């Protein structure tokens, strides 16, 4: 299915796949969303495909930004992608739809951790990502959105404080 990015009608192909994923039952849909995330991951040396992946994400937001189910599903899929496309998607979404309730339901960050050693660099990365979003939230109509982002930053800072204490305790006692 990855080769479908090379088709002239790739937008229609992935629109059809996205529609299918959105309308599946919860368990199966979760597995399908994971598969869709894999389809959208950048491929080294495949610039045209990577550009088309970004174009499809932009197209999906422009086409469905008023559809809560589709936007939540799309952001669940792209939450696992690199920060640049997530940042671009968030900026595009809030330009097209300023509904705070829908925005607050969108997953904006990956839902997993990975690696060995200290989790602090990952946690600091989450804060850096949220801080990079703040310039997009200007104007009175995005004030609640900005407060949401600032709250996410505060939450991650508190988590960092707890993690630092936990790591210190581990060094002292293990």
N, C-alpha and C. Protein backbone atom coordinates (compact mmCIF):
# COMPACT_ATOMS: atom_id res chain seq x y z
N UNK A 1 0.83 -1.20 0.00
CA UNK A 1 0.00 0.00 0.00
C UNK A 1 0.87 1.26 0.00
N UNK A 2 2.10 1.17 0.48
CA UNK A 2 3.01 2.33 0.49
C UNK A 2 3.22 2.86 -0.93
N UNK A 3 3.22 1.97 -1.90
CA UNK A 3 3.41 2.38 -3.29
C UNK A 3 2.28 3.27 -3.80
N UNK A 4 1.15 3.30 -3.11
CA UNK A 4 0.04 4.16 -3.51
C UNK A 4 0.40 5.63 -3.46
N UNK A 5 1.43 5.99 -2.68
CA UNK A 5 1.88 7.38 -2.66
C UNK A 5 2.42 7.80 -4.01
N UNK A 6 2.80 6.84 -4.84
CA UNK A 6 3.36 7.14 -6.16
C UNK A 6 2.27 7.33 -7.23
N UNK A 7 1.03 7.03 -6.90
CA UNK A 7 -0.07 7.16 -7.85
C UNK A 7 -0.48 8.62 -8.04
N UNK A 8 -0.98 8.94 -9.21
CA UNK A 8 -1.47 10.30 -9.45
C UNK A 8 -2.68 10.63 -8.59
N UNK A 9 -3.48 9.63 -8.28
CA UNK A 9 -4.69 9.84 -7.47
C UNK A 9 -4.49 9.44 -6.00
N UNK A 10 -3.28 9.65 -5.49
CA UNK A 10 -2.97 9.25 -4.11
C UNK A 10 -3.91 9.91 -3.10
N UNK A 11 -4.35 11.12 -3.36
CA UNK A 11 -5.26 11.81 -2.42
C UNK A 11 -6.54 11.00 -2.28
N UNK A 12 -7.12 10.59 -3.39
CA UNK A 12 -8.36 9.82 -3.36
C UNK A 12 -8.16 8.46 -2.68
N UNK A 13 -7.03 7.83 -2.97
CA UNK A 13 -6.74 6.52 -2.38
C UNK A 13 -6.67 6.64 -0.86
N UNK A 14 -5.94 7.62 -0.36
CA UNK A 14 -5.78 7.75 1.08
C UNK A 14 -7.01 8.38 1.75
N UNK A 15 -7.79 9.14 1.00
CA UNK A 15 -9.09 9.58 1.53
C UNK A 15 -9.99 8.38 1.78
N UNK A 16 -10.00 7.45 0.84
CA UNK A 16 -10.81 6.24 0.98
C UNK A 16 -10.34 5.42 2.18
N UNK A 17 -9.05 5.24 2.31
CA UNK A 17 -8.49 4.49 3.44
C UNK A 17 -8.82 5.19 4.76
N UNK A 18 -8.68 6.50 4.80
CA UNK A 18 -8.97 7.27 6.01
C UNK A 18 -10.44 7.12 6.39
N UNK A 19 -11.32 7.23 5.43
CA UNK A 19 -12.75 7.07 5.68
C UNK A 19 -13.04 5.69 6.27
N UNK A 20 -12.38 4.69 5.74
CA UNK A 20 -12.54 3.32 6.23
C UNK A 20 -12.10 3.21 7.69
N UNK A 21 -10.94 3.80 7.99
CA UNK A 21 -10.40 3.74 9.35
C UNK A 21 -11.32 4.48 10.33
N UNK A 22 -11.80 5.63 9.95
CA UNK A 22 -12.66 6.44 10.82
C UNK A 22 -13.93 5.69 11.18
N UNK A 23 -14.45 4.91 10.27
CA UNK A 23 -15.74 4.25 10.47
C UNK A 23 -15.65 2.83 11.02
N UNK A 24 -14.47 2.35 11.36
CA UNK A 24 -14.32 1.02 11.93
C UNK A 24 -14.63 1.03 13.42
N UNK A 25 -14.91 -0.16 13.98
CA UNK A 25 -15.17 -0.23 15.42
C UNK A 25 -13.89 0.10 16.19
N UNK A 26 -14.01 0.39 17.46
CA UNK A 26 -12.93 0.95 18.26
C UNK A 26 -11.65 0.11 18.25
N UNK A 27 -11.74 -1.20 18.52
CA UNK A 27 -10.53 -2.02 18.60
C UNK A 27 -9.84 -2.11 17.24
N UNK A 28 -10.60 -2.45 16.23
CA UNK A 28 -10.02 -2.61 14.92
C UNK A 28 -9.50 -1.27 14.40
N UNK A 29 -10.21 -0.21 14.71
CA UNK A 29 -9.81 1.11 14.28
C UNK A 29 -8.46 1.49 14.89
N UNK A 30 -8.24 1.11 16.17
CA UNK A 30 -6.95 1.41 16.80
C UNK A 30 -5.82 0.77 16.01
N UNK A 31 -5.99 -0.47 15.61
CA UNK A 31 -4.96 -1.17 14.84
C UNK A 31 -4.77 -0.52 13.47
N UNK A 32 -5.88 -0.10 12.87
CA UNK A 32 -5.80 0.56 11.58
C UNK A 32 -5.11 1.92 11.69
N UNK A 33 -5.40 2.66 12.76
CA UNK A 33 -4.75 3.97 12.95
C UNK A 33 -3.24 3.79 13.08
N UNK A 34 -2.83 2.76 13.79
CA UNK A 34 -1.41 2.48 13.92
C UNK A 34 -0.80 2.20 12.53
N UNK A 35 -1.51 1.44 11.73
CA UNK A 35 -1.06 1.16 10.37
C UNK A 35 -0.97 2.43 9.53
N UNK A 36 -1.94 3.33 9.71
CA UNK A 36 -1.92 4.60 8.98
C UNK A 36 -0.74 5.46 9.40
N UNK A 37 -0.43 5.44 10.69
CA UNK A 37 0.74 6.18 11.15
C UNK A 37 1.98 5.68 10.43
N UNK A 38 2.11 4.37 10.32
CA UNK A 38 3.27 3.80 9.62
C UNK A 38 3.31 4.23 8.16
N UNK A 39 2.13 4.39 7.54
CA UNK A 39 2.09 4.83 6.15
C UNK A 39 2.54 6.28 5.99
N UNK A 40 2.42 7.06 7.04
CA UNK A 40 2.76 8.48 6.97
C UNK A 40 4.17 8.81 7.45
N UNK A 41 4.87 7.84 7.99
CA UNK A 41 6.24 8.08 8.44
C UNK A 41 7.12 8.36 7.23
N UNK A 42 7.98 9.35 7.38
CA UNK A 42 8.87 9.72 6.28
C UNK A 42 9.78 8.55 5.92
N UNK A 43 10.01 8.42 4.61
CA UNK A 43 10.91 7.40 4.08
C UNK A 43 12.18 8.09 3.58
N UNK A 44 13.31 7.61 4.03
CA UNK A 44 14.58 8.21 3.61
C UNK A 44 14.77 8.04 2.11
N UNK A 45 15.15 9.14 1.45
CA UNK A 45 15.39 9.10 0.01
C UNK A 45 14.12 9.11 -0.84
N UNK A 46 12.98 9.30 -0.25
CA UNK A 46 11.70 9.30 -0.98
C UNK A 46 11.02 10.67 -0.82
N UNK A 47 11.66 11.71 -1.34
CA UNK A 47 11.19 13.07 -1.13
C UNK A 47 9.79 13.28 -1.69
N UNK A 48 9.51 12.75 -2.88
CA UNK A 48 8.19 12.93 -3.48
C UNK A 48 7.12 12.29 -2.60
N UNK A 49 7.36 11.08 -2.14
CA UNK A 49 6.39 10.42 -1.25
C UNK A 49 6.20 11.23 0.03
N UNK A 50 7.30 11.68 0.62
CA UNK A 50 7.21 12.44 1.87
C UNK A 50 6.43 13.73 1.67
N UNK A 51 6.65 14.39 0.56
CA UNK A 51 5.91 15.62 0.25
C UNK A 51 4.42 15.31 0.07
N UNK A 52 4.13 14.21 -0.58
CA UNK A 52 2.73 13.81 -0.78
C UNK A 52 2.05 13.45 0.53
N UNK A 53 2.78 12.86 1.45
CA UNK A 53 2.23 12.55 2.77
C UNK A 53 1.82 13.84 3.47
N UNK A 54 2.70 14.83 3.44
CA UNK A 54 2.37 16.13 4.03
C UNK A 54 1.18 16.76 3.32
N UNK A 55 1.16 16.68 2.00
CA UNK A 55 0.05 17.26 1.23
C UNK A 55 -1.27 16.58 1.59
N UNK A 56 -1.24 15.27 1.78
CA UNK A 56 -2.49 14.59 2.14
C UNK A 56 -2.97 15.02 3.53
N UNK A 57 -2.05 15.15 4.48
CA UNK A 57 -2.44 15.60 5.83
C UNK A 57 -3.07 16.99 5.75
N UNK A 58 -2.44 17.88 5.00
CA UNK A 58 -2.98 19.23 4.84
C UNK A 58 -4.36 19.17 4.19
N UNK A 59 -4.48 18.36 3.15
CA UNK A 59 -5.77 18.18 2.47
C UNK A 59 -6.83 17.67 3.44
N UNK A 60 -6.47 16.69 4.26
CA UNK A 60 -7.44 16.11 5.19
C UNK A 60 -7.92 17.15 6.20
N UNK A 61 -7.02 17.97 6.69
CA UNK A 61 -7.42 19.02 7.64
C UNK A 61 -8.29 20.07 6.96
N UNK A 62 -7.89 20.48 5.77
CA UNK A 62 -8.68 21.48 5.04
C UNK A 62 -10.07 20.94 4.70
N UNK A 63 -10.17 19.66 4.40
CA UNK A 63 -11.45 19.06 3.98
C UNK A 63 -12.36 18.71 5.14
N UNK A 64 -11.79 18.35 6.29
CA UNK A 64 -12.60 17.78 7.37
C UNK A 64 -12.46 18.49 8.71
N UNK A 65 -11.99 19.73 8.72
CA UNK A 65 -11.71 20.39 9.99
C UNK A 65 -12.94 20.63 10.86
N UNK A 66 -14.12 20.49 10.31
CA UNK A 66 -15.35 20.65 11.11
C UNK A 66 -15.87 19.31 11.62
N UNK A 67 -15.28 18.22 11.18
CA UNK A 67 -15.74 16.88 11.53
C UNK A 67 -14.92 16.36 12.72
N UNK A 68 -15.56 16.35 13.89
CA UNK A 68 -14.85 15.99 15.12
C UNK A 68 -14.24 14.59 15.05
N UNK A 69 -15.00 13.62 14.63
CA UNK A 69 -14.51 12.24 14.60
C UNK A 69 -13.30 12.11 13.67
N UNK A 70 -13.37 12.74 12.52
CA UNK A 70 -12.25 12.65 11.58
C UNK A 70 -11.03 13.39 12.09
N UNK A 71 -11.23 14.54 12.70
CA UNK A 71 -10.08 15.29 13.19
C UNK A 71 -9.40 14.59 14.37
N UNK A 72 -10.19 14.05 15.28
CA UNK A 72 -9.59 13.31 16.40
C UNK A 72 -8.82 12.10 15.87
N UNK A 73 -9.41 11.38 14.93
CA UNK A 73 -8.73 10.22 14.34
C UNK A 73 -7.45 10.65 13.63
N UNK A 74 -7.54 11.70 12.83
CA UNK A 74 -6.35 12.17 12.10
C UNK A 74 -5.23 12.56 13.07
N UNK A 75 -5.58 13.29 14.12
CA UNK A 75 -4.55 13.71 15.06
C UNK A 75 -4.04 12.54 15.90
N UNK A 76 -4.85 11.51 16.12
CA UNK A 76 -4.33 10.29 16.75
C UNK A 76 -3.27 9.65 15.86
N UNK A 77 -3.50 9.70 14.56
CA UNK A 77 -2.56 9.12 13.60
C UNK A 77 -1.28 9.95 13.54
N UNK A 78 -1.42 11.26 13.40
CA UNK A 78 -0.22 12.09 13.20
C UNK A 78 0.49 12.44 14.51
N UNK A 79 -0.13 12.16 15.65
CA UNK A 79 0.52 12.43 16.94
C UNK A 79 1.84 11.67 17.07
N UNK A 80 1.97 10.59 16.34
CA UNK A 80 3.17 9.77 16.41
C UNK A 80 4.24 10.21 15.40
N UNK A 81 3.93 11.20 14.57
CA UNK A 81 4.87 11.64 13.54
C UNK A 81 5.82 12.71 14.08
N UNK A 82 6.69 13.19 13.21
CA UNK A 82 7.69 14.18 13.64
C UNK A 82 7.04 15.51 14.01
N UNK A 83 7.76 16.29 14.78
CA UNK A 83 7.22 17.54 15.31
C UNK A 83 6.85 18.54 14.24
N UNK A 84 7.60 18.58 13.16
CA UNK A 84 7.34 19.58 12.13
C UNK A 84 5.96 19.42 11.51
N UNK A 85 5.60 18.21 11.13
CA UNK A 85 4.29 18.02 10.51
C UNK A 85 3.19 18.17 11.55
N UNK A 86 3.43 17.76 12.79
CA UNK A 86 2.42 17.97 13.84
C UNK A 86 2.20 19.45 14.08
N UNK A 87 3.28 20.21 14.13
CA UNK A 87 3.18 21.66 14.34
C UNK A 87 2.40 22.30 13.18
N UNK A 88 2.73 21.91 11.96
CA UNK A 88 2.05 22.44 10.78
C UNK A 88 0.57 22.07 10.80
N UNK A 89 0.25 20.86 11.18
CA UNK A 89 -1.14 20.40 11.23
C UNK A 89 -1.94 21.17 12.29
N UNK A 90 -1.33 21.39 13.44
CA UNK A 90 -2.01 22.13 14.50
C UNK A 90 -2.27 23.56 14.06
N UNK A 91 -1.26 24.20 13.47
CA UNK A 91 -1.41 25.58 13.00
C UNK A 91 -2.51 25.67 11.95
N UNK A 92 -2.52 24.75 11.02
CA UNK A 92 -3.55 24.75 9.97
C UNK A 92 -4.93 24.52 10.56
N UNK A 93 -5.03 23.59 11.50
CA UNK A 93 -6.32 23.29 12.10
C UNK A 93 -6.89 24.53 12.79
N UNK A 94 -6.10 25.20 13.61
CA UNK A 94 -6.65 26.34 14.37
C UNK A 94 -6.93 27.54 13.47
N UNK A 95 -6.31 27.60 12.30
CA UNK A 95 -6.68 28.64 11.34
C UNK A 95 -8.07 28.36 10.76
N UNK A 96 -8.36 27.08 10.56
CA UNK A 96 -9.61 26.69 9.92
C UNK A 96 -10.76 26.51 10.91
N UNK A 97 -10.44 26.13 12.13
CA UNK A 97 -11.49 25.82 13.12
C UNK A 97 -11.02 26.28 14.49
N UNK A 98 -11.71 27.23 15.02
CA UNK A 98 -11.32 27.81 16.31
C UNK A 98 -12.14 27.24 17.47
N UNK A 99 -12.86 26.16 17.23
CA UNK A 99 -13.68 25.53 18.26
C UNK A 99 -12.77 24.94 19.34
N UNK A 100 -12.80 25.53 20.51
CA UNK A 100 -11.91 25.08 21.59
C UNK A 100 -12.22 23.65 22.03
N UNK A 101 -13.49 23.32 22.15
CA UNK A 101 -13.86 21.98 22.63
C UNK A 101 -13.27 20.89 21.73
N UNK A 102 -13.32 21.09 20.44
CA UNK A 102 -12.73 20.11 19.52
C UNK A 102 -11.21 20.14 19.64
N UNK A 103 -10.63 21.32 19.68
CA UNK A 103 -9.18 21.42 19.81
C UNK A 103 -8.68 20.68 21.05
N UNK A 104 -9.38 20.84 22.16
CA UNK A 104 -8.96 20.22 23.42
C UNK A 104 -9.00 18.69 23.34
N UNK A 105 -9.76 18.14 22.42
CA UNK A 105 -9.84 16.68 22.27
C UNK A 105 -8.76 16.12 21.36
N UNK A 106 -8.06 16.96 20.64
CA UNK A 106 -7.05 16.49 19.69
C UNK A 106 -5.79 16.03 20.41
N UNK A 107 -5.31 14.83 20.12
CA UNK A 107 -4.03 14.39 20.68
C UNK A 107 -2.91 15.18 20.00
N UNK A 108 -2.12 15.88 20.76
CA UNK A 108 -1.09 16.73 20.20
C UNK A 108 0.32 16.16 20.34
N UNK A 109 0.45 15.10 21.09
CA UNK A 109 1.78 14.52 21.32
C UNK A 109 1.68 13.00 21.26
N UNK A 110 2.82 12.35 21.02
CA UNK A 110 2.80 10.87 21.00
C UNK A 110 2.31 10.31 22.32
N UNK A 111 1.70 9.14 22.26
CA UNK A 111 1.18 8.52 23.49
C UNK A 111 2.09 7.42 23.99
N UNK A 112 3.35 7.47 23.62
CA UNK A 112 4.28 6.43 24.05
C UNK A 112 5.61 7.06 24.46
N UNK A 113 6.37 6.28 25.18
CA UNK A 113 7.73 6.61 25.57
C UNK A 113 8.64 5.54 25.00
N UNK A 114 9.88 5.85 24.92
CA UNK A 114 10.81 4.83 24.47
C UNK A 114 12.22 5.17 24.89
N UNK A 115 13.05 4.18 24.93
CA UNK A 115 14.44 4.42 25.23
C UNK A 115 14.88 3.86 26.56
N UNK A 116 16.12 4.10 26.85
CA UNK A 116 16.70 3.66 28.11
C UNK A 116 17.31 4.87 28.80
N UNK A 117 17.55 4.74 30.08
CA UNK A 117 18.14 5.83 30.82
C UNK A 117 17.10 6.85 31.25
N UNK A 118 17.56 8.05 31.46
CA UNK A 118 16.70 9.12 31.96
C UNK A 118 15.61 9.49 30.95
N UNK A 119 14.42 9.72 31.49
CA UNK A 119 13.31 10.17 30.65
C UNK A 119 13.28 11.69 30.55
N UNK A 120 14.15 12.35 31.29
CA UNK A 120 14.14 13.81 31.32
C UNK A 120 14.33 14.45 29.94
N UNK A 121 15.23 13.97 29.09
CA UNK A 121 15.35 14.60 27.76
C UNK A 121 14.04 14.53 26.96
N UNK A 122 13.35 13.41 27.04
CA UNK A 122 12.06 13.28 26.34
C UNK A 122 11.05 14.25 26.92
N UNK A 123 11.03 14.38 28.21
CA UNK A 123 10.09 15.27 28.87
C UNK A 123 10.38 16.73 28.52
N UNK A 124 11.65 17.09 28.51
CA UNK A 124 12.02 18.45 28.10
C UNK A 124 11.64 18.69 26.63
N UNK A 125 11.74 17.64 25.82
CA UNK A 125 11.34 17.74 24.41
C UNK A 125 9.85 18.04 24.26
N UNK A 126 9.04 17.45 25.13
CA UNK A 126 7.60 17.73 25.09
C UNK A 126 7.33 19.20 25.40
N UNK A 127 8.03 19.72 26.39
CA UNK A 127 7.85 21.14 26.74
C UNK A 127 8.29 22.02 25.58
N UNK A 128 9.42 21.70 25.00
CA UNK A 128 9.94 22.49 23.87
C UNK A 128 8.93 22.49 22.72
N UNK A 129 8.32 21.33 22.46
CA UNK A 129 7.32 21.25 21.40
C UNK A 129 6.13 22.16 21.70
N UNK A 130 5.60 22.06 22.92
CA UNK A 130 4.46 22.91 23.28
C UNK A 130 4.83 24.39 23.23
N UNK A 131 6.01 24.73 23.68
CA UNK A 131 6.44 26.13 23.63
C UNK A 131 6.54 26.61 22.18
N UNK A 132 6.91 25.73 21.28
CA UNK A 132 7.02 26.12 19.87
C UNK A 132 5.64 26.38 19.25
N UNK A 133 4.59 25.89 19.89
CA UNK A 133 3.23 26.13 19.39
C UNK A 133 2.66 27.49 19.81
N UNK A 134 3.16 28.03 20.89
CA UNK A 134 2.57 29.25 21.46
C UNK A 134 2.43 30.40 20.46
N UNK A 135 3.38 30.65 19.58
CA UNK A 135 3.21 31.77 18.64
C UNK A 135 1.99 31.64 17.71
N UNK A 136 1.47 30.44 17.54
CA UNK A 136 0.30 30.24 16.67
C UNK A 136 -1.00 30.66 17.34
N UNK A 137 -0.97 30.81 18.65
CA UNK A 137 -2.20 31.09 19.41
C UNK A 137 -2.26 32.56 19.80
N UNK A 138 -2.58 33.39 18.82
CA UNK A 138 -2.70 34.81 19.06
C UNK A 138 -4.15 35.23 18.82
N UNK A 139 -4.56 36.22 19.53
CA UNK A 139 -5.92 36.73 19.36
C UNK A 139 -6.85 36.18 20.43
N UNK A 140 -7.90 36.93 20.64
CA UNK A 140 -8.87 36.60 21.69
C UNK A 140 -9.58 35.27 21.40
N UNK A 141 -9.79 34.96 20.12
CA UNK A 141 -10.51 33.73 19.78
C UNK A 141 -9.69 32.47 20.02
N UNK A 142 -8.41 32.63 20.29
CA UNK A 142 -7.55 31.48 20.59
C UNK A 142 -6.97 31.52 22.01
N UNK A 143 -7.54 32.37 22.83
CA UNK A 143 -7.04 32.52 24.20
C UNK A 143 -7.17 31.23 25.00
N UNK A 144 -8.32 30.57 24.93
CA UNK A 144 -8.49 29.30 25.66
C UNK A 144 -7.55 28.23 25.12
N UNK A 145 -7.33 28.24 23.82
CA UNK A 145 -6.41 27.29 23.20
C UNK A 145 -5.00 27.50 23.76
N UNK A 146 -4.60 28.76 23.82
CA UNK A 146 -3.27 29.10 24.34
C UNK A 146 -3.14 28.68 25.80
N UNK A 147 -4.19 28.90 26.58
CA UNK A 147 -4.17 28.49 27.98
C UNK A 147 -4.04 26.97 28.08
N UNK A 148 -4.68 26.25 27.17
CA UNK A 148 -4.57 24.78 27.14
C UNK A 148 -3.11 24.37 26.91
N UNK A 149 -2.46 25.01 25.95
CA UNK A 149 -1.06 24.71 25.66
C UNK A 149 -0.18 25.07 26.87
N UNK A 150 -0.43 26.22 27.46
CA UNK A 150 0.33 26.62 28.65
C UNK A 150 0.11 25.65 29.80
N UNK A 151 -1.09 25.13 29.93
CA UNK A 151 -1.37 24.13 30.96
C UNK A 151 -0.60 22.84 30.69
N UNK A 152 -0.52 22.43 29.43
CA UNK A 152 0.27 21.24 29.08
C UNK A 152 1.73 21.45 29.47
N UNK A 153 2.24 22.64 29.25
CA UNK A 153 3.62 22.95 29.63
C UNK A 153 3.79 22.84 31.14
N UNK A 154 2.85 23.39 31.90
CA UNK A 154 2.92 23.32 33.37
C UNK A 154 2.89 21.87 33.84
N UNK A 155 2.02 21.07 33.24
CA UNK A 155 1.92 19.66 33.61
C UNK A 155 3.26 18.95 33.37
N UNK A 156 3.89 19.19 32.21
CA UNK A 156 5.16 18.54 31.92
C UNK A 156 6.26 19.04 32.85
N UNK A 157 6.21 20.30 33.25
CA UNK A 157 7.22 20.81 34.20
C UNK A 157 7.07 20.12 35.55
N UNK A 158 5.83 19.90 35.99
CA UNK A 158 5.62 19.18 37.25
C UNK A 158 6.09 17.74 37.13
N UNK A 159 5.83 17.11 36.00
CA UNK A 159 6.29 15.74 35.79
C UNK A 159 7.81 15.68 35.82
N UNK A 160 8.45 16.69 35.27
CA UNK A 160 9.92 16.73 35.29
C UNK A 160 10.42 16.83 36.72
N UNK A 161 9.79 17.68 37.52
CA UNK A 161 10.19 17.79 38.93
C UNK A 161 10.11 16.44 39.63
N UNK A 162 9.00 15.74 39.42
CA UNK A 162 8.84 14.41 40.04
C UNK A 162 9.87 13.42 39.51
N UNK A 163 10.11 13.48 38.21
CA UNK A 163 11.08 12.56 37.60
C UNK A 163 12.49 12.83 38.13
N UNK A 164 12.83 14.10 38.31
CA UNK A 164 14.16 14.43 38.84
C UNK A 164 14.33 13.87 40.25
N UNK A 165 13.29 14.00 41.06
CA UNK A 165 13.35 13.45 42.42
C UNK A 165 13.48 11.93 42.36
N UNK A 166 12.68 11.31 41.51
CA UNK A 166 12.72 9.85 41.38
C UNK A 166 14.10 9.37 40.92
N UNK A 167 14.67 10.03 39.94
CA UNK A 167 15.99 9.64 39.46
C UNK A 167 17.06 9.86 40.50
N UNK A 168 16.93 10.93 41.25
CA UNK A 168 17.88 11.19 42.34
C UNK A 168 17.79 10.09 43.39
N UNK A 169 16.57 9.72 43.74
CA UNK A 169 16.36 8.66 44.74
C UNK A 169 16.93 7.34 44.23
N UNK A 170 16.76 7.04 42.96
CA UNK A 170 17.30 5.81 42.40
C UNK A 170 18.83 5.80 42.49
N UNK A 171 19.46 6.95 42.21
CA UNK A 171 20.92 7.02 42.30
C UNK A 171 21.41 6.84 43.72
N UNK A 172 20.65 7.39 44.67
CA UNK A 172 21.08 7.31 46.07
C UNK A 172 20.86 5.92 46.68
N UNK A 173 19.82 5.26 46.27
CA UNK A 173 19.44 4.02 46.96
C UNK A 173 19.56 2.73 46.14
N UNK A 174 19.97 2.84 44.88
CA UNK A 174 20.10 1.60 44.10
C UNK A 174 21.48 1.46 43.53
